[in-house]
Protein backbone atom coordinates (compact mmCIF):
# COMPACT_ATOMS: atom_id res chain seq x y z
CA MET A 1 7.21 -9.29 3.53
CA GLY A 2 4.57 -11.72 4.67
CA ALA A 3 1.51 -13.02 2.92
CA PRO A 4 -1.33 -10.55 2.35
CA ARG A 5 -3.86 -10.34 5.16
CA GLU A 6 -7.01 -12.39 4.60
CA ARG A 7 -10.11 -10.32 3.94
CA PRO A 8 -13.59 -11.38 4.98
CA ALA A 9 -15.56 -11.41 1.73
CA HIS A 10 -18.75 -9.96 3.25
CA LEU A 11 -17.30 -7.45 5.70
CA ALA A 12 -17.75 -4.38 3.49
CA ALA A 13 -21.39 -5.23 2.76
CA LYS A 14 -22.07 -5.84 6.45
CA LEU A 15 -20.58 -2.49 7.45
CA LEU A 16 -22.59 -0.65 4.80
CA THR A 17 -25.75 -2.50 5.82
CA ILE A 18 -25.24 -1.57 9.47
CA ARG A 19 -24.84 2.12 8.69
CA GLN A 20 -27.84 2.21 6.38
CA ALA A 21 -30.04 0.17 8.72
CA LEU A 22 -29.23 2.57 11.55
CA GLY A 23 -30.15 5.47 9.27
CA LEU A 24 -26.80 7.17 9.74
CA SER A 25 -24.73 9.28 7.39
CA GLN A 26 -21.02 8.50 7.33
CA SER A 27 -20.36 11.54 9.54
CA GLU A 28 -23.00 10.45 12.04
CA LEU A 29 -21.51 6.96 12.12
CA ILE A 30 -18.07 8.37 12.86
CA ALA A 31 -19.50 10.25 15.84
CA LYS A 32 -21.13 7.07 17.16
CA LEU A 33 -17.97 5.00 16.62
CA ARG A 34 -15.96 7.55 18.62
CA ARG A 35 -12.94 6.86 16.45
CA ASP A 36 -10.67 9.30 14.63
CA LEU A 37 -11.90 8.50 11.11
CA SER A 38 -12.88 10.39 7.98
CA THR A 39 -15.85 9.88 5.70
CA ALA A 40 -13.34 8.82 3.03
CA ARG A 41 -12.12 6.04 5.35
CA ILE A 42 -15.70 4.87 6.05
CA SER A 43 -16.25 4.79 2.29
CA GLU A 44 -13.13 2.63 1.87
CA TYR A 45 -14.45 0.20 4.48
CA GLU A 46 -17.85 0.04 2.78
CA LYS A 47 -16.30 -0.53 -0.65
CA GLY A 48 -13.93 -3.17 0.68
CA THR A 49 -10.77 -1.33 -0.39
CA ARG A 50 -9.55 -1.10 3.21
CA ILE A 51 -10.06 -3.31 6.27
CA PRO A 52 -10.88 -1.59 9.57
CA SER A 53 -8.55 -2.09 12.52
CA LEU A 54 -9.63 -4.47 15.25
CA LEU A 55 -10.55 -1.57 17.51
CA THR A 56 -12.67 -0.01 14.77
CA LEU A 57 -14.43 -3.35 14.19
CA LEU A 58 -15.10 -3.53 17.92
CA ALA A 59 -16.61 -0.03 17.79
CA TYR A 60 -18.84 -1.04 14.85
CA ALA A 61 -19.95 -4.14 16.77
CA LYS A 62 -20.84 -2.07 19.83
CA VAL A 63 -22.81 0.48 17.80
CA ALA A 64 -24.66 -2.32 16.00
CA ARG A 65 -25.02 -4.41 19.16
CA VAL A 66 -23.64 -7.52 17.51
CA SER A 67 -20.57 -9.62 18.18
CA VAL A 68 -17.36 -8.90 16.30
CA GLU A 69 -17.54 -12.50 15.13
CA ILE A 70 -20.70 -11.71 13.13
CA LEU A 71 -18.82 -8.97 11.31
CA ILE A 72 -15.75 -11.04 10.53
CA ASP A 73 -17.10 -14.55 9.90
CA ASP A 74 -18.44 -14.84 6.35
CA LYS A 75 -20.54 -17.83 7.42
CA LEU A 76 -22.54 -15.66 9.83
CA GLU A 77 -25.17 -13.15 8.78
CA LEU A 78 -26.26 -9.95 10.44
CA PRO A 79 -29.40 -10.27 12.58
CA GLU A 80 -32.74 -10.01 10.79
CA ARG A 81 -33.27 -6.43 12.00
CA PHE A 82 -30.45 -5.34 9.68
CA LEU A 83 -31.40 -7.51 6.75
CA SER A 84 -35.01 -6.31 6.64
CA ALA A 85 -33.82 -2.69 6.85
CA ARG A 86 -31.46 -3.32 3.92
CA LEU A 87 -34.38 -4.36 1.72
CA VAL A 88 -36.13 -1.05 2.43
CA VAL A 89 -33.01 1.03 1.68
CA GLN A 90 -32.30 -0.62 -1.69
């Protein structure tokens, strides 16, 4: 057994913010991601209890029109268009 996989500290919040800013339900997001996922799996990603695969992160990045690096790198924030939408949702 190897060491546990590192987890980006802000990934879950970024994924939740993207979905909310796009005004999508979890089911609608799954359709846009074009991945074989369940709403339970999306919930796990958004709660940070599971890390998406690289291909799923790529799909999120494409839907959000951001680089995968923005999703993974805790030092980078989502573009302003997502952050301002998050303030409205909360």
